Amino acid sequence: MQEITVEELKQRAEAGEKLNVIDVREPNEYAEANIGAKLIPLGAIMGMQIDEIEDLKNEEVIVHCKSGMRSTQACMMLDTLGFTNTKNVKGGILAWQEKYGADKIN
């Protein structure tokens, strides 16, 4: 697992890169505010319910949550499950909102 800042994420999104971004918060948190990432709650990842991202094992997977704690856990679990390039968004959606407000990644 590596880390990526919200600035790096925003810059790469604006450059048109194809990004695999996963939000590991709960559905109610996602409904309140999200940056357009695919929602897979941490509980699903910890329960190894990752069928919808199984094909991304050899691609970069960028994971975020509210502040960076749950996404760190998710990255560690994904690494254990054979994912080779996970990145945790430093500061999570709180850092994103502080810097970019309600902007989406795509």
PDB file of N, CA and C in Angstrom:
ATOM      1  N   MET A   1       0.834  -1.185   0.000  1.00  0.00           N
ATOM      2  CA  MET A   1       0.000   0.000   0.000  1.00  0.00           C
ATOM      3  C   MET A   1       0.881   1.251   0.000  1.00  0.00           C
ATOM      4  N   GLN A   2       0.478   2.165  -0.842  1.00  0.00           N
ATOM      5  CA  GLN A   2       1.123   3.470  -0.880  1.00  0.00           C
ATOM      6  C   GLN A   2       0.078   4.511  -0.513  1.00  0.00           C
ATOM      7  N   GLU A   3       0.471   5.771  -0.461  1.00  0.00           N
ATOM      8  CA  GLU A   3      -0.475   6.845  -0.209  1.00  0.00           C
ATOM      9  C   GLU A   3      -0.506   7.790  -1.404  1.00  0.00           C
ATOM     10  N   ILE A   4      -1.644   8.432  -1.565  1.00  0.00           N
ATOM     11  CA  ILE A   4      -1.812   9.444  -2.594  1.00  0.00           C
ATOM     12  C   ILE A   4      -2.528  10.614  -1.941  1.00  0.00           C
ATOM     13  N   THR A   5      -2.126  11.821  -2.289  1.00  0.00           N
ATOM     14  CA  THR A   5      -2.783  13.005  -1.731  1.00  0.00           C
ATOM     15  C   THR A   5      -4.006  13.354  -2.577  1.00  0.00           C
ATOM     16  N   VAL A   6      -4.887  14.154  -2.001  1.00  0.00           N
ATOM     17  CA  VAL A   6      -6.064  14.584  -2.768  1.00  0.00           C
ATOM     18  C   VAL A   6      -5.634  15.448  -3.948  1.00  0.00           C
ATOM     19  N   GLU A   7      -4.540  16.189  -3.792  1.00  0.00           N
ATOM     20  CA  GLU A   7      -4.043  17.016  -4.891  1.00  0.00           C
ATOM     21  C   GLU A   7      -3.596  16.142  -6.066  1.00  0.00           C
ATOM     22  N   GLU A   8      -2.864  15.060  -5.758  1.00  0.00           N
ATOM     23  CA  GLU A   8      -2.431  14.140  -6.819  1.00  0.00           C
ATOM     24  C   GLU A   8      -3.632  13.491  -7.500  1.00  0.00           C
ATOM     25  N   LEU A   9      -4.610  13.077  -6.697  1.00  0.00           N
ATOM     26  CA  LEU A   9      -5.811  12.432  -7.243  1.00  0.00           C
ATOM     27  C   LEU A   9      -6.557  13.384  -8.166  1.00  0.00           C
ATOM     28  N   LYS A  10      -6.763  14.606  -7.726  1.00  0.00           N
ATOM     29  CA  LYS A  10      -7.474  15.606  -8.525  1.00  0.00           C
ATOM     30  C   LYS A  10      -6.724  15.885  -9.827  1.00  0.00           C
ATOM     31  N   GLN A  11      -5.403  16.053  -9.729  1.00  0.00           N
ATOM     32  CA  GLN A  11      -4.585  16.344 -10.911  1.00  0.00           C
ATOM     33  C   GLN A  11      -4.680  15.205 -11.927  1.00  0.00           C
ATOM     34  N   ARG A  12      -4.593  13.972 -11.458  1.00  0.00           N
ATOM     35  CA  ARG A  12      -4.670  12.821 -12.360  1.00  0.00           C
ATOM     36  C   ARG A  12      -6.059  12.699 -12.977  1.00  0.00           C
ATOM     37  N   ALA A  13      -7.100  12.975 -12.204  1.00  0.00           N
ATOM     38  CA  ALA A  13      -8.466  12.922 -12.736  1.00  0.00           C
ATOM     39  C   ALA A  13      -8.654  13.985 -13.821  1.00  0.00           C
ATOM     40  N   GLU A  14      -8.164  15.186 -13.551  1.00  0.00           N
ATOM     41  CA  GLU A  14      -8.300  16.278 -14.522  1.00  0.00           C
ATOM     42  C   GLU A  14      -7.484  16.024 -15.782  1.00  0.00           C
ATOM     43  N   ALA A  15      -6.434  15.209 -15.659  1.00  0.00           N
ATOM     44  CA  ALA A  15      -5.620  14.866 -16.826  1.00  0.00           C
ATOM     45  C   ALA A  15      -6.271  13.769 -17.665  1.00  0.00           C
ATOM     46  N   GLY A  16      -7.418  13.260 -17.183  1.00  0.00           N
ATOM     47  CA  GLY A  16      -8.157  12.267 -17.949  1.00  0.00           C
ATOM     48  C   GLY A  16      -7.713  10.832 -17.733  1.00  0.00           C
ATOM     49  N   GLU A  17      -6.921  10.589 -16.698  1.00  0.00           N
ATOM     50  CA  GLU A  17      -6.489   9.211 -16.423  1.00  0.00           C
ATOM     51  C   GLU A  17      -7.685   8.353 -16.032  1.00  0.00           C
ATOM     52  N   LYS A  18      -7.635   7.085 -16.442  1.00  0.00           N
ATOM     53  CA  LYS A  18      -8.650   6.130 -15.999  1.00  0.00           C
ATOM     54  C   LYS A  18      -8.256   5.699 -14.588  1.00  0.00           C
ATOM     55  N   LEU A  19      -9.081   6.054 -13.618  1.00  0.00           N
ATOM     56  CA  LEU A  19      -8.771   5.773 -12.222  1.00  0.00           C
ATOM     57  C   LEU A  19      -9.774   4.785 -11.637  1.00  0.00           C
ATOM     58  N   ASN A  20      -9.283   3.863 -10.839  1.00  0.00           N
ATOM     59  CA  ASN A  20     -10.125   2.915 -10.123  1.00  0.00           C
ATOM     60  C   ASN A  20     -10.176   3.378  -8.669  1.00  0.00           C
ATOM     61  N   VAL A  21     -11.219   4.154  -8.346  1.00  0.00           N
ATOM     62  CA  VAL A  21     -11.327   4.726  -7.000  1.00  0.00           C
ATOM     63  C   VAL A  21     -12.477   4.045  -6.266  1.00  0.00           C
ATOM     64  N   ILE A  22     -12.167   3.556  -5.062  1.00  0.00           N
ATOM     65  CA  ILE A  22     -13.137   2.852  -4.233  1.00  0.00           C
ATOM     66  C   ILE A  22     -13.387   3.667  -2.963  1.00  0.00           C
ATOM     67  N   ASP A  23     -14.654   3.825  -2.605  1.00  0.00           N
ATOM     68  CA  ASP A  23     -15.074   4.498  -1.372  1.00  0.00           C
ATOM     69  C   ASP A  23     -15.517   3.406  -0.410  1.00  0.00           C
ATOM     70  N   VAL A  24     -14.857   3.293   0.754  1.00  0.00           N
ATOM     71  CA  VAL A  24     -15.172   2.207   1.684  1.00  0.00           C
ATOM     72  C   VAL A  24     -16.042   2.657   2.860  1.00  0.00           C
ATOM     73  N   ARG A  25     -16.667   3.825   2.732  1.00  0.00           N
ATOM     74  CA  ARG A  25     -17.575   4.289   3.781  1.00  0.00           C
ATOM     75  C   ARG A  25     -18.908   3.554   3.666  1.00  0.00           C
ATOM     76  N   GLU A  26     -19.816   3.851   4.572  1.00  0.00           N
ATOM     77  CA  GLU A  26     -21.142   3.241   4.569  1.00  0.00           C
ATOM     78  C   GLU A  26     -22.057   3.972   3.579  1.00  0.00           C
ATOM     79  N   PRO A  27     -23.113   3.278   3.101  1.00  0.00           N
ATOM     80  CA  PRO A  27     -24.016   3.900   2.118  1.00  0.00           C
ATOM     81  C   PRO A  27     -24.593   5.252   2.558  1.00  0.00           C
ATOM     82  N   ASN A  28     -24.926   5.400   3.835  1.00  0.00           N
ATOM     83  CA  ASN A  28     -25.486   6.677   4.295  1.00  0.00           C
ATOM     84  C   ASN A  28     -24.441   7.804   4.215  1.00  0.00           C
ATOM     85  N   GLU A  29     -23.177   7.485   4.478  1.00  0.00           N
ATOM     86  CA  GLU A  29     -22.113   8.483   4.359  1.00  0.00           C
ATOM     87  C   GLU A  29     -21.920   8.866   2.894  1.00  0.00           C
ATOM     88  N   TYR A  30     -21.962   7.858   2.025  1.00  0.00           N
ATOM     89  CA  TYR A  30     -21.802   8.070   0.586  1.00  0.00           C
ATOM     90  C   TYR A  30     -22.927   8.962   0.057  1.00  0.00           C
ATOM     91  N   ALA A  31     -24.157   8.730   0.562  1.00  0.00           N
ATOM     92  CA  ALA A  31     -25.308   9.522   0.117  1.00  0.00           C
ATOM     93  C   ALA A  31     -25.162  10.987   0.522  1.00  0.00           C
ATOM     94  N   GLU A  32     -24.535  11.236   1.662  1.00  0.00           N
ATOM     95  CA  GLU A  32     -24.356  12.607   2.142  1.00  0.00           C
ATOM     96  C   GLU A  32     -23.348  13.375   1.296  1.00  0.00           C
ATOM     97  N   ALA A  33     -22.253  12.716   0.942  1.00  0.00           N
ATOM     98  CA  ALA A  33     -21.206  13.364   0.145  1.00  0.00           C
ATOM     99  C   ALA A  33     -20.328  12.291  -0.473  1.00  0.00           C
ATOM    100  N   ASN A  34     -20.053  12.432  -1.767  1.00  0.00           N
ATOM    101  CA  ASN A  34     -19.130  11.498  -2.408  1.00  0.00           C
ATOM    102  C   ASN A  34     -18.439  12.198  -3.565  1.00  0.00           C
ATOM    103  N   ILE A  35     -17.324  11.597  -3.983  1.00  0.00           N
ATOM    104  CA  ILE A  35     -16.557  12.202  -5.081  1.00  0.00           C
ATOM    105  C   ILE A  35     -16.716  11.411  -6.379  1.00  0.00           C
ATOM    106  N   GLY A  36     -17.668  10.477  -6.398  1.00  0.00           N
ATOM    107  CA  GLY A  36     -17.933   9.735  -7.620  1.00  0.00           C
ATOM    108  C   GLY A  36     -17.235   8.392  -7.689  1.00  0.00           C
ATOM    109  N   ALA A  37     -16.685   7.938  -6.577  1.00  0.00           N
ATOM    110  CA  ALA A  37     -15.998   6.648  -6.540  1.00  0.00           C
ATOM    111  C   ALA A  37     -17.011   5.509  -6.435  1.00  0.00           C
ATOM    112  N   LYS A  38     -16.557   4.290  -6.698  1.00  0.00           N
ATOM    113  CA  LYS A  38     -17.396   3.098  -6.543  1.00  0.00           C
ATOM    114  C   LYS A  38     -17.506   2.792  -5.055  1.00  0.00           C
ATOM    115  N   LEU A  39     -18.736   2.605  -4.566  1.00  0.00           N
ATOM    116  CA  LEU A  39     -18.966   2.325  -3.151  1.00  0.00           C
ATOM    117  C   LEU A  39     -18.861   0.829  -2.873  1.00  0.00           C
ATOM    118  N   ILE A  40     -17.893   0.463  -2.036  1.00  0.00           N
ATOM    119  CA  ILE A  40     -17.769  -0.895  -1.506  1.00  0.00           C
ATOM    120  C   ILE A  40     -17.411  -0.736  -0.031  1.00  0.00           C
ATOM    121  N   PRO A  41     -18.404  -0.817   0.866  1.00  0.00           N
ATOM    122  CA  PRO A  41     -18.132  -0.590   2.288  1.00  0.00           C
ATOM    123  C   PRO A  41     -17.028  -1.504   2.833  1.00  0.00           C
ATOM    124  N   LEU A  42     -16.310  -0.996   3.827  1.00  0.00           N
ATOM    125  CA  LEU A  42     -15.206  -1.738   4.426  1.00  0.00           C
ATOM    126  C   LEU A  42     -15.641  -3.135   4.860  1.00  0.00           C
ATOM    127  N   GLY A  43     -16.846  -3.249   5.421  1.00  0.00           N
ATOM    128  CA  GLY A  43     -17.333  -4.563   5.869  1.00  0.00           C
ATOM    129  C   GLY A  43     -17.367  -5.584   4.747  1.00  0.00           C
ATOM    130  N   ALA A  44     -17.715  -5.156   3.553  1.00  0.00           N
ATOM    131  CA  ALA A  44     -17.740  -6.066   2.403  1.00  0.00           C
ATOM    132  C   ALA A  44     -16.329  -6.512   2.046  1.00  0.00           C
ATOM    133  N   ILE A  45     -15.389  -5.586   2.079  1.00  0.00           N
ATOM    134  CA  ILE A  45     -14.001  -5.933   1.758  1.00  0.00           C
ATOM    135  C   ILE A  45     -13.442  -6.879   2.817  1.00  0.00           C
ATOM    136  N   MET A  46     -13.699  -6.566   4.087  1.00  0.00           N
ATOM    137  CA  MET A  46     -13.206  -7.426   5.157  1.00  0.00           C
ATOM    138  C   MET A  46     -13.851  -8.812   5.082  1.00  0.00           C
ATOM    139  N   GLY A  47     -15.072  -8.879   4.554  1.00  0.00           N
ATOM    140  CA  GLY A  47     -15.765 -10.152   4.361  1.00  0.00           C
ATOM    141  C   GLY A  47     -15.420 -10.796   3.025  1.00  0.00           C
ATOM    142  N   MET A  48     -14.436 -10.235   2.338  1.00  0.00           N
ATOM    143  CA  MET A  48     -13.937 -10.736   1.056  1.00  0.00           C
ATOM    144  C   MET A  48     -15.000 -10.753  -0.032  1.00  0.00           C
ATOM    145  N   GLN A  49     -15.951  -9.835   0.035  1.00  0.00           N
ATOM    146  CA  GLN A  49     -16.987  -9.704  -0.987  1.00  0.00           C
ATOM    147  C   GLN A  49     -16.515  -8.667  -2.006  1.00  0.00           C
ATOM    148  N   ILE A  50     -15.595  -9.105  -2.857  1.00  0.00           N
ATOM    149  CA  ILE A  50     -14.941  -8.168  -3.776  1.00  0.00           C
ATOM    150  C   ILE A  50     -15.095  -8.576  -5.235  1.00  0.00           C
ATOM    151  N   ASP A  51     -16.120  -9.354  -5.541  1.00  0.00           N
ATOM    152  CA  ASP A  51     -16.313  -9.836  -6.913  1.00  0.00           C
ATOM    153  C   ASP A  51     -16.262  -8.718  -7.945  1.00  0.00           C
ATOM    154  N   GLU A  52     -16.874  -7.568  -7.629  1.00  0.00           N
ATOM    155  CA  GLU A  52     -16.967  -6.495  -8.627  1.00  0.00           C
ATOM    156  C   GLU A  52     -15.632  -5.794  -8.906  1.00  0.00           C
ATOM    157  N   ILE A  53     -14.615  -6.037  -8.074  1.00  0.00           N
ATOM    158  CA  ILE A  53     -13.294  -5.449  -8.340  1.00  0.00           C
ATOM    159  C   ILE A  53     -12.207  -6.512  -8.497  1.00  0.00           C
ATOM    160  N   GLU A  54     -12.592  -7.765  -8.516  1.00  0.00           N
ATOM    161  CA  GLU A  54     -11.630  -8.870  -8.636  1.00  0.00           C
ATOM    162  C   GLU A  54     -10.708  -8.699  -9.844  1.00  0.00           C
ATOM    163  N   ASP A  55     -11.243  -8.171 -10.937  1.00  0.00           N
ATOM    164  CA  ASP A  55     -10.445  -8.005 -12.159  1.00  0.00           C
ATOM    165  C   ASP A  55      -9.445  -6.852 -12.078  1.00  0.00           C
ATOM    166  N   LEU A  56      -9.411  -6.138 -10.958  1.00  0.00           N
ATOM    167  CA  LEU A  56      -8.479  -5.015 -10.796  1.00  0.00           C
ATOM    168  C   LEU A  56      -7.235  -5.389  -9.998  1.00  0.00           C
ATOM    169  N   LYS A  57      -7.034  -6.683  -9.727  1.00  0.00           N
ATOM    170  CA  LYS A  57      -5.924  -7.110  -8.868  1.00  0.00           C
ATOM    171  C   LYS A  57      -4.566  -6.615  -9.337  1.00  0.00           C
ATOM    172  N   ASN A  58      -4.377  -6.497 -10.638  1.00  0.00           N
ATOM    173  CA  ASN A  58      -3.081  -6.069 -11.157  1.00  0.00           C
ATOM    174  C   ASN A  58      -3.089  -4.622 -11.645  1.00  0.00           C
ATOM    175  N   GLU A  59      -4.148  -3.893 -11.281  1.00  0.00           N
ATOM    176  CA  GLU A  59      -4.233  -2.481 -11.633  1.00  0.00           C
ATOM    177  C   GLU A  59      -4.139  -1.633 -10.372  1.00  0.00           C
ATOM    178  N   GLU A  60      -3.915  -0.362 -10.556  1.00  0.00           N
ATOM    179  CA  GLU A  60      -3.913   0.551  -9.414  1.00  0.00           C
ATOM    180  C   GLU A  60      -5.343   0.682  -8.881  1.00  0.00           C
ATOM    181  N   VAL A  61      -5.495   0.538  -7.576  1.00  0.00           N
ATOM    182  CA  VAL A  61      -6.780   0.726  -6.916  1.00  0.00           C
ATOM    183  C   VAL A  61      -6.577   1.792  -5.835  1.00  0.00           C
ATOM    184  N   ILE A  62      -7.288   2.907  -5.975  1.00  0.00           N
ATOM    185  CA  ILE A  62      -7.182   4.025  -5.038  1.00  0.00           C
ATOM    186  C   ILE A  62      -8.380   3.945  -4.099  1.00  0.00           C
ATOM    187  N   VAL A  63      -8.105   3.924  -2.789  1.00  0.00           N
ATOM    188  CA  VAL A  63      -9.154   3.701  -1.794  1.00  0.00           C
ATOM    189  C   VAL A  63      -9.255   4.908  -0.868  1.00  0.00           C
ATOM    190  N   HIS A  64     -10.501   5.345  -0.610  1.00  0.00           N
ATOM    191  CA  HIS A  64     -10.689   6.442   0.350  1.00  0.00           C
ATOM    192  C   HIS A  64     -11.855   6.159   1.276  1.00  0.00           C
ATOM    193  N   CYS A  65     -11.850   6.845   2.411  1.00  0.00           N
ATOM    194  CA  CYS A  65     -12.953   6.805   3.364  1.00  0.00           C
ATOM    195  C   CYS A  65     -13.161   8.236   3.860  1.00  0.00           C
ATOM    196  N   LYS A  66     -13.575   8.383   5.099  1.00  0.00           N
ATOM    197  CA  LYS A  66     -13.797   9.725   5.629  1.00  0.00           C
ATOM    198  C   LYS A  66     -12.481  10.432   5.936  1.00  0.00           C
ATOM    199  N   SER A  67     -11.575   9.739   6.659  1.00  0.00           N
ATOM    200  CA  SER A  67     -10.340  10.401   7.093  1.00  0.00           C
ATOM    201  C   SER A  67      -9.063   9.641   6.753  1.00  0.00           C
ATOM    202  N   GLY A  68      -9.183   8.400   6.306  1.00  0.00           N
ATOM    203  CA  GLY A  68      -7.998   7.628   5.942  1.00  0.00           C
ATOM    204  C   GLY A  68      -7.775   6.377   6.770  1.00  0.00           C
ATOM    205  N   MET A  69      -8.534   6.205   7.850  1.00  0.00           N
ATOM    206  CA  MET A  69      -8.334   5.042   8.718  1.00  0.00           C
ATOM    207  C   MET A  69      -8.940   3.765   8.104  1.00  0.00           C
ATOM    208  N   ARG A  70     -10.205   3.821   7.727  1.00  0.00           N
ATOM    209  CA  ARG A  70     -10.854   2.634   7.139  1.00  0.00           C
ATOM    210  C   ARG A  70     -10.229   2.265   5.810  1.00  0.00           C
ATOM    211  N   SER A  71      -9.839   3.276   5.041  1.00  0.00           N
ATOM    212  CA  SER A  71      -9.230   2.974   3.744  1.00  0.00           C
ATOM    213  C   SER A  71      -7.864   2.314   3.918  1.00  0.00           C
ATOM    214  N   THR A  72      -7.155   2.651   4.993  1.00  0.00           N
ATOM    215  CA  THR A  72      -5.895   1.965   5.289  1.00  0.00           C
ATOM    216  C   THR A  72      -6.160   0.487   5.548  1.00  0.00           C
ATOM    217  N   GLN A  73      -7.187   0.196   6.348  1.00  0.00           N
ATOM    218  CA  GLN A  73      -7.559  -1.201   6.625  1.00  0.00           C
ATOM    219  C   GLN A  73      -7.954  -1.914   5.337  1.00  0.00           C
ATOM    220  N   ALA A  74      -8.735  -1.232   4.496  1.00  0.00           N
ATOM    221  CA  ALA A  74      -9.180  -1.827   3.239  1.00  0.00           C
ATOM    222  C   ALA A  74      -7.992  -2.137   2.332  1.00  0.00           C
ATOM    223  N   CYS A  75      -7.047  -1.215   2.240  1.00  0.00           N
ATOM    224  CA  CYS A  75      -5.857  -1.449   1.416  1.00  0.00           C
ATOM    225  C   CYS A  75      -5.074  -2.656   1.922  1.00  0.00           C
ATOM    226  N   MET A  76      -4.911  -2.752   3.239  1.00  0.00           N
ATOM    227  CA  MET A  76      -4.166  -3.888   3.799  1.00  0.00           C
ATOM    228  C   MET A  76      -4.878  -5.207   3.480  1.00  0.00           C
ATOM    229  N   MET A  77      -6.215  -5.210   3.573  1.00  0.00           N
ATOM    230  CA  MET A  77      -6.972  -6.430   3.260  1.00  0.00           C
ATOM    231  C   MET A  77      -6.866  -6.755   1.772  1.00  0.00           C
ATOM    232  N   LEU A  78      -6.996  -5.752   0.924  1.00  0.00           N
ATOM    233  CA  LEU A  78      -6.877  -5.984  -0.523  1.00  0.00           C
ATOM    234  C   LEU A  78      -5.493  -6.513  -0.871  1.00  0.00           C
ATOM    235  N   ASP A  79      -4.466  -5.965  -0.225  1.00  0.00           N
ATOM    236  CA  ASP A  79      -3.103  -6.472  -0.445  1.00  0.00           C
ATOM    237  C   ASP A  79      -3.029  -7.951  -0.079  1.00  0.00           C
ATOM    238  N   THR A  80      -3.639  -8.310   1.046  1.00  0.00           N
ATOM    239  CA  THR A  80      -3.669  -9.712   1.492  1.00  0.00           C
ATOM    240  C   THR A  80      -4.387 -10.596   0.473  1.00  0.00           C
ATOM    241  N   LEU A  81      -5.396 -10.026  -0.187  1.00  0.00           N
ATOM    242  CA  LEU A  81      -6.190 -10.779  -1.158  1.00  0.00           C
ATOM    243  C   LEU A  81      -5.544 -10.808  -2.548  1.00  0.00           C
ATOM    244  N   GLY A  82      -4.341 -10.277  -2.665  1.00  0.00           N
ATOM    245  CA  GLY A  82      -3.616 -10.383  -3.926  1.00  0.00           C
ATOM    246  C   GLY A  82      -3.600  -9.147  -4.796  1.00  0.00           C
ATOM    247  N   PHE A  83      -4.140  -8.034  -4.304  1.00  0.00           N
ATOM    248  CA  PHE A  83      -4.070  -6.803  -5.081  1.00  0.00           C
ATOM    249  C   PHE A  83      -2.632  -6.283  -5.012  1.00  0.00           C
ATOM    250  N   THR A  84      -2.111  -5.833  -6.138  1.00  0.00           N
ATOM    251  CA  THR A  84      -0.687  -5.526  -6.225  1.00  0.00           C
ATOM    252  C   THR A  84      -0.353  -4.037  -6.175  1.00  0.00           C
ATOM    253  N   ASN A  85      -1.370  -3.143  -6.262  1.00  0.00           N
ATOM    254  CA  ASN A  85      -1.074  -1.709  -6.339  1.00  0.00           C
ATOM    255  C   ASN A  85      -2.190  -0.902  -5.693  1.00  0.00           C
ATOM    256  N   THR A  86      -2.301  -0.995  -4.352  1.00  0.00           N
ATOM    257  CA  THR A  86      -3.332  -0.219  -3.655  1.00  0.00           C
ATOM    258  C   THR A  86      -2.742   1.087  -3.156  1.00  0.00           C
ATOM    259  N   LYS A  87      -3.574   2.125  -3.199  1.00  0.00           N
ATOM    260  CA  LYS A  87      -3.170   3.442  -2.707  1.00  0.00           C
ATOM    261  C   LYS A  87      -4.261   4.005  -1.809  1.00  0.00           C
ATOM    262  N   ASN A  88      -3.854   4.470  -0.643  1.00  0.00           N
ATOM    263  CA  ASN A  88      -4.754   5.071   0.321  1.00  0.00           C
ATOM    264  C   ASN A  88      -4.763   6.587   0.114  1.00  0.00           C
ATOM    265  N   VAL A  89      -5.964   7.175   0.046  1.00  0.00           N
ATOM    266  CA  VAL A  89      -6.069   8.632  -0.095  1.00  0.00           C
ATOM    267  C   VAL A  89      -5.830   9.267   1.278  1.00  0.00           C
ATOM    268  N   LYS A  90      -4.745   9.972   1.388  1.00  0.00           N
ATOM    269  CA  LYS A  90      -4.349  10.600   2.650  1.00  0.00           C
ATOM    270  C   LYS A  90      -5.381  11.660   3.053  1.00  0.00           C
ATOM    271  N   GLY A  91      -5.961  11.488   4.242  1.00  0.00           N
ATOM    272  CA  GLY A  91      -6.945  12.456   4.742  1.00  0.00           C
ATOM    273  C   GLY A  91      -8.367  12.202   4.301  1.00  0.00           C
ATOM    274  N   GLY A  92      -8.565  11.272   3.364  1.00  0.00           N
ATOM    275  CA  GLY A  92      -9.907  10.887   2.934  1.00  0.00           C
ATOM    276  C   GLY A  92     -10.742  12.009   2.362  1.00  0.00           C
ATOM    277  N   ILE A  93     -12.060  11.808   2.433  1.00  0.00           N
ATOM    278  CA  ILE A  93     -12.972  12.790   1.835  1.00  0.00           C
ATOM    279  C   ILE A  93     -12.951  14.113   2.598  1.00  0.00           C
ATOM    280  N   LEU A  94     -12.574  14.077   3.868  1.00  0.00           N
ATOM    281  CA  LEU A  94     -12.465  15.334   4.613  1.00  0.00           C
ATOM    282  C   LEU A  94     -11.406  16.237   3.989  1.00  0.00           C
ATOM    283  N   ALA A  95     -10.269  15.657   3.629  1.00  0.00           N
ATOM    284  CA  ALA A  95      -9.208  16.441   2.971  1.00  0.00           C
ATOM    285  C   ALA A  95      -9.678  16.925   1.600  1.00  0.00           C
ATOM    286  N   TRP A  96     -10.403  16.055   0.886  1.00  0.00           N
ATOM    287  CA  TRP A  96     -10.920  16.435  -0.435  1.00  0.00           C
ATOM    288  C   TRP A  96     -11.873  17.622  -0.305  1.00  0.00           C
ATOM    289  N   GLN A  97     -12.824  17.528   0.640  1.00  0.00           N
ATOM    290  CA  GLN A  97     -13.814  18.591   0.797  1.00  0.00           C
ATOM    291  C   GLN A  97     -13.164  19.901   1.233  1.00  0.00           C
ATOM    292  N   GLU A  98     -12.157  19.811   2.086  1.00  0.00           N
ATOM    293  CA  GLU A  98     -11.455  21.014   2.530  1.00  0.00           C
ATOM    294  C   GLU A  98     -10.790  21.720   1.352  1.00  0.00           C
ATOM    295  N   LYS A  99     -10.263  20.940   0.424  1.00  0.00           N
ATOM    296  CA  LYS A  99      -9.523  21.495  -0.709  1.00  0.00           C
ATOM    297  C   LYS A  99     -10.424  21.812  -1.909  1.00  0.00           C
ATOM    298  N   TYR A 100     -11.398  20.921  -2.190  1.00  0.00           N
ATOM    299  CA  TYR A 100     -12.165  21.033  -3.444  1.00  0.00           C
ATOM    300  C   TYR A 100     -13.684  21.103  -3.259  1.00  0.00           C
ATOM    301  N   GLY A 101     -14.165  21.133  -2.035  1.00  0.00           N
ATOM    302  CA  GLY A 101     -15.606  21.212  -1.809  1.00  0.00           C
ATOM    303  C   GLY A 101     -16.315  19.980  -2.331  1.00  0.00           C
ATOM    304  N   ALA A 102     -17.359  20.185  -3.098  1.00  0.00           N
ATOM    305  CA  ALA A 102     -18.194  19.075  -3.592  1.00  0.00           C
ATOM    306  C   ALA A 102     -17.781  18.579  -4.969  1.00  0.00           C
ATOM    307  N   ASP A 103     -16.622  18.979  -5.468  1.00  0.00           N
ATOM    308  CA  ASP A 103     -16.151  18.521  -6.779  1.00  0.00           C
ATOM    309  C   ASP A 103     -16.071  16.997  -6.817  1.00  0.00           C
ATOM    310  N   LYS A 104     -16.338  16.438  -7.989  1.00  0.00           N
ATOM    311  CA  LYS A 104     -16.214  14.991  -8.221  1.00  0.00           C
ATOM    312  C   LYS A 104     -14.866  14.708  -8.887  1.00  0.00           C
ATOM    313  N   ILE A 105     -14.486  13.431  -8.882  1.00  0.00           N
ATOM    314  CA  ILE A 105     -13.217  13.071  -9.520  1.00  0.00           C
ATOM    315  C   ILE A 105     -13.354  12.935 -11.031  1.00  0.00           C
ATOM    316  N   ASN A 106     -14.578  12.763 -11.517  1.00  0.00           N
ATOM    317  CA  ASN A 106     -14.725  12.586 -12.959  1.00  0.00           C
ATOM    318  C   ASN A 106     -15.923  13.312 -13.499  1.00  0.00           C
TER     319      ASN A 106
END
